[in-house]
Amino acid sequence: MMGVVYLLYPVISAAYYAGFESSSKQATL
């Protein structure tokens, strides 16, 4: 569980920034 907690932030961050910036809006919120 501790390992998952440490990995969660970079995974969420990468999904957020890469997902939004490659979307049709080309931008994060």
mmCIF file of all heavy atoms, coordinates in Angstrom:
data_MODEL
# 
_entry.id   MODEL 
# 
loop_
_atom_site.group_PDB 
_atom_site.id 
_atom_site.type_symbol 
_atom_site.label_atom_id 
_atom_site.label_alt_id 
_atom_site.label_comp_id 
_atom_site.label_asym_id 
_atom_site.label_entity_id 
_atom_site.label_seq_id 
_atom_site.pdbx_PDB_ins_code 
_atom_site.Cartn_x 
_atom_site.Cartn_y 
_atom_site.Cartn_z 
_atom_site.occupancy 
_atom_site.B_iso_or_equiv 
_atom_site.pdbx_formal_charge 
_atom_site.auth_seq_id 
_atom_site.auth_comp_id 
_atom_site.auth_asym_id 
_atom_site.auth_atom_id 
_atom_site.pdbx_PDB_model_num 
ATOM 1   N N   . MET A 1 1  ? 0.827   -1.201 0.000   1.00 0.00 ? 1  MET A N   1 
ATOM 2   C CA  . MET A 1 1  ? 0.000   0.000  0.000   1.00 0.00 ? 1  MET A CA  1 
ATOM 3   C C   . MET A 1 1  ? 0.864   1.254  0.000   1.00 0.00 ? 1  MET A C   1 
ATOM 4   O O   . MET A 1 1  ? 0.582   2.222  -0.716  1.00 0.00 ? 1  MET A O   1 
ATOM 5   C CB  . MET A 1 1  ? -0.910  0.003  1.221   1.00 0.00 ? 1  MET A CB  1 
ATOM 6   C CG  . MET A 1 1  ? -1.862  1.201  1.273   1.00 0.00 ? 1  MET A CG  1 
ATOM 7   S SD  . MET A 1 1  ? -2.731  1.308  2.853   1.00 0.00 ? 1  MET A SD  1 
ATOM 8   C CE  . MET A 1 1  ? -1.368  1.776  3.940   1.00 0.00 ? 1  MET A CE  1 
ATOM 9   N N   . MET A 1 2  ? 1.957   1.247  0.776   1.00 0.00 ? 2  MET A N   1 
ATOM 10  C CA  . MET A 1 2  ? 2.850   2.404  0.809   1.00 0.00 ? 2  MET A CA  1 
ATOM 11  C C   . MET A 1 2  ? 3.483   2.643  -0.549  1.00 0.00 ? 2  MET A C   1 
ATOM 12  O O   . MET A 1 2  ? 3.634   3.782  -0.997  1.00 0.00 ? 2  MET A O   1 
ATOM 13  C CB  . MET A 1 2  ? 3.921   2.186  1.880   1.00 0.00 ? 2  MET A CB  1 
ATOM 14  C CG  . MET A 1 2  ? 3.386   2.198  3.305   1.00 0.00 ? 2  MET A CG  1 
ATOM 15  S SD  . MET A 1 2  ? 4.659   1.807  4.535   1.00 0.00 ? 2  MET A SD  1 
ATOM 16  C CE  . MET A 1 2  ? 5.792   3.182  4.275   1.00 0.00 ? 2  MET A CE  1 
ATOM 17  N N   . GLY A 1 3  ? 3.840   1.544  -1.230  1.00 0.00 ? 3  GLY A N   1 
ATOM 18  C CA  . GLY A 1 3  ? 4.408   1.684  -2.568  1.00 0.00 ? 3  GLY A CA  1 
ATOM 19  C C   . GLY A 1 3  ? 3.421   2.292  -3.544  1.00 0.00 ? 3  GLY A C   1 
ATOM 20  O O   . GLY A 1 3  ? 3.772   3.162  -4.345  1.00 0.00 ? 3  GLY A O   1 
ATOM 21  N N   . VAL A 1 4  ? 2.164   1.858  -3.451  1.00 0.00 ? 4  VAL A N   1 
ATOM 22  C CA  . VAL A 1 4  ? 1.115   2.402  -4.316  1.00 0.00 ? 4  VAL A CA  1 
ATOM 23  C C   . VAL A 1 4  ? 0.909   3.887  -4.044  1.00 0.00 ? 4  VAL A C   1 
ATOM 24  O O   . VAL A 1 4  ? 0.754   4.699  -4.965  1.00 0.00 ? 4  VAL A O   1 
ATOM 25  C CB  . VAL A 1 4  ? -0.204  1.629  -4.115  1.00 0.00 ? 4  VAL A CB  1 
ATOM 26  C CG1 . VAL A 1 4  ? -1.358  2.336  -4.813  1.00 0.00 ? 4  VAL A CG1 1 
ATOM 27  C CG2 . VAL A 1 4  ? -0.070  0.209  -4.628  1.00 0.00 ? 4  VAL A CG2 1 
ATOM 28  N N   . VAL A 1 5  ? 0.931   4.267  -2.757  1.00 0.00 ? 5  VAL A N   1 
ATOM 29  C CA  . VAL A 1 5  ? 0.743   5.671  -2.376  1.00 0.00 ? 5  VAL A CA  1 
ATOM 30  C C   . VAL A 1 5  ? 1.833   6.543  -2.985  1.00 0.00 ? 5  VAL A C   1 
ATOM 31  O O   . VAL A 1 5  ? 1.567   7.645  -3.488  1.00 0.00 ? 5  VAL A O   1 
ATOM 32  C CB  . VAL A 1 5  ? 0.717   5.813  -0.845  1.00 0.00 ? 5  VAL A CB  1 
ATOM 33  C CG1 . VAL A 1 5  ? 0.840   7.277  -0.438  1.00 0.00 ? 5  VAL A CG1 1 
ATOM 34  C CG2 . VAL A 1 5  ? -0.564  5.216  -0.278  1.00 0.00 ? 5  VAL A CG2 1 
ATOM 35  N N   . TYR A 1 6  ? 3.081   6.061  -2.958  1.00 0.00 ? 6  TYR A N   1 
ATOM 36  C CA  . TYR A 1 6  ? 4.178   6.839  -3.523  1.00 0.00 ? 6  TYR A CA  1 
ATOM 37  C C   . TYR A 1 6  ? 4.107   6.930  -5.047  1.00 0.00 ? 6  TYR A C   1 
ATOM 38  O O   . TYR A 1 6  ? 4.522   7.916  -5.648  1.00 0.00 ? 6  TYR A O   1 
ATOM 39  C CB  . TYR A 1 6  ? 5.524   6.230  -3.116  1.00 0.00 ? 6  TYR A CB  1 
ATOM 40  C CG  . TYR A 1 6  ? 5.931   6.591  -1.703  1.00 0.00 ? 6  TYR A CG  1 
ATOM 41  C CD1 . TYR A 1 6  ? 5.973   5.618  -0.705  1.00 0.00 ? 6  TYR A CD1 1 
ATOM 42  C CD2 . TYR A 1 6  ? 6.265   7.904  -1.359  1.00 0.00 ? 6  TYR A CD2 1 
ATOM 43  C CE1 . TYR A 1 6  ? 6.341   5.938  0.602   1.00 0.00 ? 6  TYR A CE1 1 
ATOM 44  C CE2 . TYR A 1 6  ? 6.629   8.237  -0.060  1.00 0.00 ? 6  TYR A CE2 1 
ATOM 45  C CZ  . TYR A 1 6  ? 6.661   7.258  0.916   1.00 0.00 ? 6  TYR A CZ  1 
ATOM 46  O OH  . TYR A 1 6  ? 7.022   7.591  2.192   1.00 0.00 ? 6  TYR A OH  1 
ATOM 47  N N   . LEU A 1 7  ? 3.590   5.883  -5.677  1.00 0.00 ? 7  LEU A N   1 
ATOM 48  C CA  . LEU A 1 7  ? 3.509   5.880  -7.138  1.00 0.00 ? 7  LEU A CA  1 
ATOM 49  C C   . LEU A 1 7  ? 2.285   6.618  -7.666  1.00 0.00 ? 7  LEU A C   1 
ATOM 50  O O   . LEU A 1 7  ? 2.259   7.010  -8.832  1.00 0.00 ? 7  LEU A O   1 
ATOM 51  C CB  . LEU A 1 7  ? 3.480   4.441  -7.653  1.00 0.00 ? 7  LEU A CB  1 
ATOM 52  C CG  . LEU A 1 7  ? 4.791   3.653  -7.555  1.00 0.00 ? 7  LEU A CG  1 
ATOM 53  C CD1 . LEU A 1 7  ? 4.565   2.205  -7.957  1.00 0.00 ? 7  LEU A CD1 1 
ATOM 54  C CD2 . LEU A 1 7  ? 5.861   4.286  -8.434  1.00 0.00 ? 7  LEU A CD2 1 
ATOM 55  N N   . LEU A 1 8  ? 1.294   6.799  -6.818  1.00 0.00 ? 8  LEU A N   1 
ATOM 56  C CA  . LEU A 1 8  ? 0.042   7.405  -7.273  1.00 0.00 ? 8  LEU A CA  1 
ATOM 57  C C   . LEU A 1 8  ? 0.248   8.801  -7.843  1.00 0.00 ? 8  LEU A C   1 
ATOM 58  O O   . LEU A 1 8  ? -0.305  9.137  -8.895  1.00 0.00 ? 8  LEU A O   1 
ATOM 59  C CB  . LEU A 1 8  ? -0.963  7.469  -6.120  1.00 0.00 ? 8  LEU A CB  1 
ATOM 60  C CG  . LEU A 1 8  ? -1.914  6.287  -5.953  1.00 0.00 ? 8  LEU A CG  1 
ATOM 61  C CD1 . LEU A 1 8  ? -2.808  6.505  -4.741  1.00 0.00 ? 8  LEU A CD1 1 
ATOM 62  C CD2 . LEU A 1 8  ? -2.754  6.084  -7.202  1.00 0.00 ? 8  LEU A CD2 1 
ATOM 63  N N   . TYR A 1 9  ? 1.018   9.625  -7.154  1.00 0.00 ? 9  TYR A N   1 
ATOM 64  C CA  . TYR A 1 9  ? 1.135   11.025 -7.583  1.00 0.00 ? 9  TYR A CA  1 
ATOM 65  C C   . TYR A 1 9  ? 1.725   11.149 -8.989  1.00 0.00 ? 9  TYR A C   1 
ATOM 66  O O   . TYR A 1 9  ? 1.135   11.825 -9.844  1.00 0.00 ? 9  TYR A O   1 
ATOM 67  C CB  . TYR A 1 9  ? 1.947   11.842 -6.587  1.00 0.00 ? 9  TYR A CB  1 
ATOM 68  C CG  . TYR A 1 9  ? 1.858   13.325 -6.869  1.00 0.00 ? 9  TYR A CG  1 
ATOM 69  C CD1 . TYR A 1 9  ? 0.834   14.093 -6.313  1.00 0.00 ? 9  TYR A CD1 1 
ATOM 70  C CD2 . TYR A 1 9  ? 2.766   13.954 -7.715  1.00 0.00 ? 9  TYR A CD2 1 
ATOM 71  C CE1 . TYR A 1 9  ? 0.723   15.436 -6.591  1.00 0.00 ? 9  TYR A CE1 1 
ATOM 72  C CE2 . TYR A 1 9  ? 2.660   15.300 -8.006  1.00 0.00 ? 9  TYR A CE2 1 
ATOM 73  C CZ  . TYR A 1 9  ? 1.642   16.043 -7.441  1.00 0.00 ? 9  TYR A CZ  1 
ATOM 74  O OH  . TYR A 1 9  ? 1.526   17.376 -7.719  1.00 0.00 ? 9  TYR A OH  1 
ATOM 75  N N   . PRO A 1 10 ? 2.888   10.524 -9.272  1.00 0.00 ? 10 PRO A N   1 
ATOM 76  C CA  . PRO A 1 10 ? 3.405   10.662 -10.644 1.00 0.00 ? 10 PRO A CA  1 
ATOM 77  C C   . PRO A 1 10 ? 2.482   10.075 -11.699 1.00 0.00 ? 10 PRO A C   1 
ATOM 78  O O   . PRO A 1 10 ? 2.392   10.603 -12.811 1.00 0.00 ? 10 PRO A O   1 
ATOM 79  C CB  . PRO A 1 10 ? 4.750   9.927  -10.594 1.00 0.00 ? 10 PRO A CB  1 
ATOM 80  C CG  . PRO A 1 10 ? 4.694   9.080  -9.377  1.00 0.00 ? 10 PRO A CG  1 
ATOM 81  C CD  . PRO A 1 10 ? 3.826   9.810  -8.408  1.00 0.00 ? 10 PRO A CD  1 
ATOM 82  N N   . VAL A 1 11 ? 1.777   8.991  -11.360 1.00 0.00 ? 11 VAL A N   1 
ATOM 83  C CA  . VAL A 1 11 ? 0.854   8.388  -12.333 1.00 0.00 ? 11 VAL A CA  1 
ATOM 84  C C   . VAL A 1 11 ? -0.303  9.336  -12.634 1.00 0.00 ? 11 VAL A C   1 
ATOM 85  O O   . VAL A 1 11 ? -0.655  9.570  -13.797 1.00 0.00 ? 11 VAL A O   1 
ATOM 86  C CB  . VAL A 1 11 ? 0.314   7.035  -11.804 1.00 0.00 ? 11 VAL A CB  1 
ATOM 87  C CG1 . VAL A 1 11 ? -0.835  6.546  -12.676 1.00 0.00 ? 11 VAL A CG1 1 
ATOM 88  C CG2 . VAL A 1 11 ? 1.426   6.004  -11.766 1.00 0.00 ? 11 VAL A CG2 1 
ATOM 89  N N   . ILE A 1 12 ? -0.888  9.907  -11.578 1.00 0.00 ? 12 ILE A N   1 
ATOM 90  C CA  . ILE A 1 12 ? -1.998  10.850 -11.771 1.00 0.00 ? 12 ILE A CA  1 
ATOM 91  C C   . ILE A 1 12 ? -1.516  12.099 -12.507 1.00 0.00 ? 12 ILE A C   1 
ATOM 92  O O   . ILE A 1 12 ? -2.178  12.603 -13.412 1.00 0.00 ? 12 ILE A O   1 
ATOM 93  C CB  . ILE A 1 12 ? -2.618  11.222 -10.410 1.00 0.00 ? 12 ILE A CB  1 
ATOM 94  C CG1 . ILE A 1 12 ? -3.337  10.015 -9.810  1.00 0.00 ? 12 ILE A CG1 1 
ATOM 95  C CG2 . ILE A 1 12 ? -3.600  12.395 -10.563 1.00 0.00 ? 12 ILE A CG2 1 
ATOM 96  C CD1 . ILE A 1 12 ? -3.853  10.243 -8.405  1.00 0.00 ? 12 ILE A CD1 1 
ATOM 97  N N   . SER A 1 13 ? -0.349  12.605 -12.114 1.00 0.00 ? 13 SER A N   1 
ATOM 98  C CA  . SER A 1 13 ? 0.203   13.799 -12.752 1.00 0.00 ? 13 SER A CA  1 
ATOM 99  C C   . SER A 1 13 ? 0.464   13.565 -14.239 1.00 0.00 ? 13 SER A C   1 
ATOM 100 O O   . SER A 1 13 ? 0.104   14.385 -15.090 1.00 0.00 ? 13 SER A O   1 
ATOM 101 C CB  . SER A 1 13 ? 1.493   14.213 -12.047 1.00 0.00 ? 13 SER A CB  1 
ATOM 102 O OG  . SER A 1 13 ? 2.072   15.343 -12.673 1.00 0.00 ? 13 SER A OG  1 
ATOM 103 N N   . ALA A 1 14 ? 1.088   12.438 -14.567 1.00 0.00 ? 14 ALA A N   1 
ATOM 104 C CA  . ALA A 1 14 ? 1.388   12.141 -15.968 1.00 0.00 ? 14 ALA A CA  1 
ATOM 105 C C   . ALA A 1 14 ? 0.123   12.000 -16.785 1.00 0.00 ? 14 ALA A C   1 
ATOM 106 O O   . ALA A 1 14 ? 0.014   12.531 -17.902 1.00 0.00 ? 14 ALA A O   1 
ATOM 107 C CB  . ALA A 1 14 ? 2.222   10.865 -16.063 1.00 0.00 ? 14 ALA A CB  1 
ATOM 108 N N   . ALA A 1 15 ? -0.873  11.293 -16.232 1.00 0.00 ? 15 ALA A N   1 
ATOM 109 C CA  . ALA A 1 15 ? -2.135  11.114 -16.947 1.00 0.00 ? 15 ALA A CA  1 
ATOM 110 C C   . ALA A 1 15 ? -2.828  12.451 -17.164 1.00 0.00 ? 15 ALA A C   1 
ATOM 111 O O   . ALA A 1 15 ? -3.396  12.705 -18.244 1.00 0.00 ? 15 ALA A O   1 
ATOM 112 C CB  . ALA A 1 15 ? -3.043  10.163 -16.164 1.00 0.00 ? 15 ALA A CB  1 
ATOM 113 N N   . TYR A 1 16 ? -2.782  13.309 -16.170 1.00 0.00 ? 16 TYR A N   1 
ATOM 114 C CA  . TYR A 1 16 ? -3.450  14.615 -16.254 1.00 0.00 ? 16 TYR A CA  1 
ATOM 115 C C   . TYR A 1 16 ? -2.783  15.503 -17.305 1.00 0.00 ? 16 TYR A C   1 
ATOM 116 O O   . TYR A 1 16 ? -3.446  15.981 -18.241 1.00 0.00 ? 16 TYR A O   1 
ATOM 117 C CB  . TYR A 1 16 ? -3.407  15.286 -14.889 1.00 0.00 ? 16 TYR A CB  1 
ATOM 118 C CG  . TYR A 1 16 ? -3.943  16.699 -14.871 1.00 0.00 ? 16 TYR A CG  1 
ATOM 119 C CD1 . TYR A 1 16 ? -5.314  16.946 -14.869 1.00 0.00 ? 16 TYR A CD1 1 
ATOM 120 C CD2 . TYR A 1 16 ? -3.087  17.797 -14.849 1.00 0.00 ? 16 TYR A CD2 1 
ATOM 121 C CE1 . TYR A 1 16 ? -5.811  18.236 -14.847 1.00 0.00 ? 16 TYR A CE1 1 
ATOM 122 C CE2 . TYR A 1 16 ? -3.580  19.093 -14.824 1.00 0.00 ? 16 TYR A CE2 1 
ATOM 123 C CZ  . TYR A 1 16 ? -4.933  19.306 -14.830 1.00 0.00 ? 16 TYR A CZ  1 
ATOM 124 O OH  . TYR A 1 16 ? -5.418  20.593 -14.813 1.00 0.00 ? 16 TYR A OH  1 
ATOM 125 N N   . TYR A 1 17 ? -1.484  15.732 -17.168 1.00 0.00 ? 17 TYR A N   1 
ATOM 126 C CA  . TYR A 1 17 ? -0.796  16.659 -18.070 1.00 0.00 ? 17 TYR A CA  1 
ATOM 127 C C   . TYR A 1 17 ? -0.731  16.117 -19.496 1.00 0.00 ? 17 TYR A C   1 
ATOM 128 O O   . TYR A 1 17 ? -1.061  16.826 -20.461 1.00 0.00 ? 17 TYR A O   1 
ATOM 129 C CB  . TYR A 1 17 ? 0.599   16.961 -17.553 1.00 0.00 ? 17 TYR A CB  1 
ATOM 130 C CG  . TYR A 1 17 ? 0.628   17.925 -16.398 1.00 0.00 ? 17 TYR A CG  1 
ATOM 131 C CD1 . TYR A 1 17 ? 0.706   17.474 -15.090 1.00 0.00 ? 17 TYR A CD1 1 
ATOM 132 C CD2 . TYR A 1 17 ? 0.554   19.294 -16.617 1.00 0.00 ? 17 TYR A CD2 1 
ATOM 133 C CE1 . TYR A 1 17 ? 0.718   18.358 -14.016 1.00 0.00 ? 17 TYR A CE1 1 
ATOM 134 C CE2 . TYR A 1 17 ? 0.561   20.193 -15.560 1.00 0.00 ? 17 TYR A CE2 1 
ATOM 135 C CZ  . TYR A 1 17 ? 0.639   19.720 -14.265 1.00 0.00 ? 17 TYR A CZ  1 
ATOM 136 O OH  . TYR A 1 17 ? 0.645   20.602 -13.203 1.00 0.00 ? 17 TYR A OH  1 
ATOM 137 N N   . ALA A 1 18 ? -0.301  14.866 -19.656 1.00 0.00 ? 18 ALA A N   1 
ATOM 138 C CA  . ALA A 1 18 ? -0.173  14.311 -21.004 1.00 0.00 ? 18 ALA A CA  1 
ATOM 139 C C   . ALA A 1 18 ? -1.534  14.153 -21.664 1.00 0.00 ? 18 ALA A C   1 
ATOM 140 O O   . ALA A 1 18 ? -1.692  14.427 -22.855 1.00 0.00 ? 18 ALA A O   1 
ATOM 141 C CB  . ALA A 1 18 ? 0.556   12.973 -20.940 1.00 0.00 ? 18 ALA A CB  1 
ATOM 142 N N   . GLY A 1 19 ? -2.520  13.720 -20.887 1.00 0.00 ? 19 GLY A N   1 
ATOM 143 C CA  . GLY A 1 19 ? -3.852  13.525 -21.455 1.00 0.00 ? 19 GLY A CA  1 
ATOM 144 C C   . GLY A 1 19 ? -4.485  14.814 -21.932 1.00 0.00 ? 19 GLY A C   1 
ATOM 145 O O   . GLY A 1 19 ? -4.987  14.903 -23.064 1.00 0.00 ? 19 GLY A O   1 
ATOM 146 N N   . PHE A 1 20 ? -4.459  15.842 -21.098 1.00 0.00 ? 20 PHE A N   1 
ATOM 147 C CA  . PHE A 1 20 ? -5.075  17.116 -21.472 1.00 0.00 ? 20 PHE A CA  1 
ATOM 148 C C   . PHE A 1 20 ? -4.296  17.830 -22.568 1.00 0.00 ? 20 PHE A C   1 
ATOM 149 O O   . PHE A 1 20 ? -4.879  18.412 -23.489 1.00 0.00 ? 20 PHE A O   1 
ATOM 150 C CB  . PHE A 1 20 ? -5.208  18.020 -20.254 1.00 0.00 ? 20 PHE A CB  1 
ATOM 151 C CG  . PHE A 1 20 ? -6.471  17.814 -19.469 1.00 0.00 ? 20 PHE A CG  1 
ATOM 152 C CD1 . PHE A 1 20 ? -6.459  17.119 -18.270 1.00 0.00 ? 20 PHE A CD1 1 
ATOM 153 C CD2 . PHE A 1 20 ? -7.684  18.294 -19.929 1.00 0.00 ? 20 PHE A CD2 1 
ATOM 154 C CE1 . PHE A 1 20 ? -7.623  16.912 -17.549 1.00 0.00 ? 20 PHE A CE1 1 
ATOM 155 C CE2 . PHE A 1 20 ? -8.857  18.101 -19.218 1.00 0.00 ? 20 PHE A CE2 1 
ATOM 156 C CZ  . PHE A 1 20 ? -8.835  17.404 -18.023 1.00 0.00 ? 20 PHE A CZ  1 
ATOM 157 N N   . GLU A 1 21 ? -2.965  17.825 -22.484 1.00 0.00 ? 21 GLU A N   1 
ATOM 158 C CA  . GLU A 1 21 ? -2.175  18.586 -23.458 1.00 0.00 ? 21 GLU A CA  1 
ATOM 159 C C   . GLU A 1 21 ? -2.149  17.935 -24.837 1.00 0.00 ? 21 GLU A C   1 
ATOM 160 O O   . GLU A 1 21 ? -1.817  18.596 -25.818 1.00 0.00 ? 21 GLU A O   1 
ATOM 161 C CB  . GLU A 1 21 ? -0.761  18.804 -22.917 1.00 0.00 ? 21 GLU A CB  1 
ATOM 162 C CG  . GLU A 1 21 ? -0.752  19.767 -21.729 1.00 0.00 ? 21 GLU A CG  1 
ATOM 163 C CD  . GLU A 1 21 ? 0.623   19.976 -21.114 1.00 0.00 ? 21 GLU A CD  1 
ATOM 164 O OE1 . GLU A 1 21 ? 1.583   19.297 -21.564 1.00 0.00 ? 21 GLU A OE1 1 
ATOM 165 O OE2 . GLU A 1 21 ? 0.740   20.794 -20.194 1.00 0.00 ? 21 GLU A OE2 1 
ATOM 166 N N   . SER A 1 22 ? -2.502  16.656 -24.922 1.00 0.00 ? 22 SER A N   1 
ATOM 167 C CA  . SER A 1 22 ? -2.609  16.002 -26.224 1.00 0.00 ? 22 SER A CA  1 
ATOM 168 C C   . SER A 1 22 ? -4.063  15.937 -26.710 1.00 0.00 ? 22 SER A C   1 
ATOM 169 O O   . SER A 1 22 ? -4.328  15.421 -27.794 1.00 0.00 ? 22 SER A O   1 
ATOM 170 C CB  . SER A 1 22 ? -2.038  14.579 -26.151 1.00 0.00 ? 22 SER A CB  1 
ATOM 171 O OG  . SER A 1 22 ? -2.775  13.781 -25.239 1.00 0.00 ? 22 SER A OG  1 
ATOM 172 N N   . SER A 1 23 ? -4.982  16.490 -25.912 1.00 0.00 ? 23 SER A N   1 
ATOM 173 C CA  . SER A 1 23 ? -6.399  16.490 -26.290 1.00 0.00 ? 23 SER A CA  1 
ATOM 174 C C   . SER A 1 23 ? -6.681  17.577 -27.324 1.00 0.00 ? 23 SER A C   1 
ATOM 175 O O   . SER A 1 23 ? -5.801  18.347 -27.701 1.00 0.00 ? 23 SER A O   1 
ATOM 176 C CB  . SER A 1 23 ? -7.262  16.731 -25.049 1.00 0.00 ? 23 SER A CB  1 
ATOM 177 O OG  . SER A 1 23 ? -7.130  18.068 -24.590 1.00 0.00 ? 23 SER A OG  1 
ATOM 178 N N   . SER A 1 24 ? -7.919  17.653 -27.763 1.00 0.00 ? 24 SER A N   1 
ATOM 179 C CA  . SER A 1 24 ? -8.298  18.667 -28.751 1.00 0.00 ? 24 SER A CA  1 
ATOM 180 C C   . SER A 1 24 ? -8.149  20.085 -28.204 1.00 0.00 ? 24 SER A C   1 
ATOM 181 O O   . SER A 1 24 ? -7.965  21.030 -28.968 1.00 0.00 ? 24 SER A O   1 
ATOM 182 C CB  . SER A 1 24 ? -9.744  18.440 -29.207 1.00 0.00 ? 24 SER A CB  1 
ATOM 183 O OG  . SER A 1 24 ? -10.638 18.526 -28.103 1.00 0.00 ? 24 SER A OG  1 
ATOM 184 N N   . LYS A 1 25 ? -8.226  20.253 -26.879 1.00 0.00 ? 25 LYS A N   1 
ATOM 185 C CA  . LYS A 1 25 ? -8.042  21.568 -26.273 1.00 0.00 ? 25 LYS A CA  1 
ATOM 186 C C   . LYS A 1 25 ? -6.575  21.952 -26.159 1.00 0.00 ? 25 LYS A C   1 
ATOM 187 O O   . LYS A 1 25 ? -6.242  23.130 -25.975 1.00 0.00 ? 25 LYS A O   1 
ATOM 188 C CB  . LYS A 1 25 ? -8.688  21.597 -24.885 1.00 0.00 ? 25 LYS A CB  1 
ATOM 189 C CG  . LYS A 1 25 ? -10.208 21.505 -24.903 1.00 0.00 ? 25 LYS A CG  1 
ATOM 190 C CD  . LYS A 1 25 ? -10.815 22.723 -25.579 1.00 0.00 ? 25 LYS A CD  1 
ATOM 191 C CE  . LYS A 1 25 ? -12.333 22.695 -25.489 1.00 0.00 ? 25 LYS A CE  1 
ATOM 192 N NZ  . LYS A 1 25 ? -12.942 23.867 -26.167 1.00 0.00 ? 25 LYS A NZ  1 
ATOM 193 N N   . GLN A 1 26 ? -5.679  20.962 -26.206 1.00 0.00 ? 26 GLN A N   1 
ATOM 194 C CA  . GLN A 1 26 ? -4.236  21.180 -26.146 1.00 0.00 ? 26 GLN A CA  1 
ATOM 195 C C   . GLN A 1 26 ? -3.807  21.884 -24.852 1.00 0.00 ? 26 GLN A C   1 
ATOM 196 O O   . GLN A 1 26 ? -2.787  22.558 -24.820 1.00 0.00 ? 26 GLN A O   1 
ATOM 197 C CB  . GLN A 1 26 ? -3.762  22.005 -27.350 1.00 0.00 ? 26 GLN A CB  1 
ATOM 198 C CG  . GLN A 1 26 ? -4.090  21.359 -28.691 1.00 0.00 ? 26 GLN A CG  1 
ATOM 199 C CD  . GLN A 1 26 ? -3.759  22.255 -29.858 1.00 0.00 ? 26 GLN A CD  1 
ATOM 200 O OE1 . GLN A 1 26 ? -4.654  22.848 -30.463 1.00 0.00 ? 26 GLN A OE1 1 
ATOM 201 N NE2 . GLN A 1 26 ? -2.499  22.360 -30.188 1.00 0.00 ? 26 GLN A NE2 1 
ATOM 202 N N   . ALA A 1 27 ? -4.579  21.728 -23.807 1.00 0.00 ? 27 ALA A N   1 
ATOM 203 C CA  . ALA A 1 27 ? -4.299  22.471 -22.578 1.00 0.00 ? 27 ALA A CA  1 
ATOM 204 C C   . ALA A 1 27 ? -4.879  21.758 -21.373 1.00 0.00 ? 27 ALA A C   1 
ATOM 205 O O   . ALA A 1 27 ? -5.911  21.096 -21.462 1.00 0.00 ? 27 ALA A O   1 
ATOM 206 C CB  . ALA A 1 27 ? -4.882  23.883 -22.667 1.00 0.00 ? 27 ALA A CB  1 
ATOM 207 N N   . THR A 1 28 ? -4.208  21.904 -20.241 1.00 0.00 ? 28 THR A N   1 
ATOM 208 C CA  . THR A 1 28 ? -4.728  21.437 -18.969 1.00 0.00 ? 28 THR A CA  1 
ATOM 209 C C   . THR A 1 28 ? -5.836  22.383 -18.512 1.00 0.00 ? 28 THR A C   1 
ATOM 210 O O   . THR A 1 28 ? -6.067  23.426 -19.125 1.00 0.00 ? 28 THR A O   1 
ATOM 211 C CB  . THR A 1 28 ? -3.613  21.416 -17.919 1.00 0.00 ? 28 THR A CB  1 
ATOM 212 O OG1 . THR A 1 28 ? -3.066  22.746 -17.820 1.00 0.00 ? 28 THR A OG1 1 
ATOM 213 C CG2 . THR A 1 28 ? -2.516  20.449 -18.288 1.00 0.00 ? 28 THR A CG2 1 
ATOM 214 N N   . LEU A 1 29 ? -6.506  22.036 -17.416 1.00 0.00 ? 29 LEU A N   1 
ATOM 215 C CA  . LEU A 1 29 ? -7.570  22.899 -16.909 1.00 0.00 ? 29 LEU A CA  1 
ATOM 216 C C   . LEU A 1 29 ? -7.028  24.276 -16.532 1.00 0.00 ? 29 LEU A C   1 
ATOM 217 O O   . LEU A 1 29 ? -7.683  25.299 -16.759 1.00 0.00 ? 29 LEU A O   1 
ATOM 218 C CB  . LEU A 1 29 ? -8.236  22.241 -15.694 1.00 0.00 ? 29 LEU A CB  1 
ATOM 219 C CG  . LEU A 1 29 ? -8.948  20.909 -15.969 1.00 0.00 ? 29 LEU A CG  1 
ATOM 220 C CD1 . LEU A 1 29 ? -9.521  20.337 -14.674 1.00 0.00 ? 29 LEU A CD1 1 
ATOM 221 C CD2 . LEU A 1 29 ? -10.048 21.071 -17.009 1.00 0.00 ? 29 LEU A CD2 1 
# 
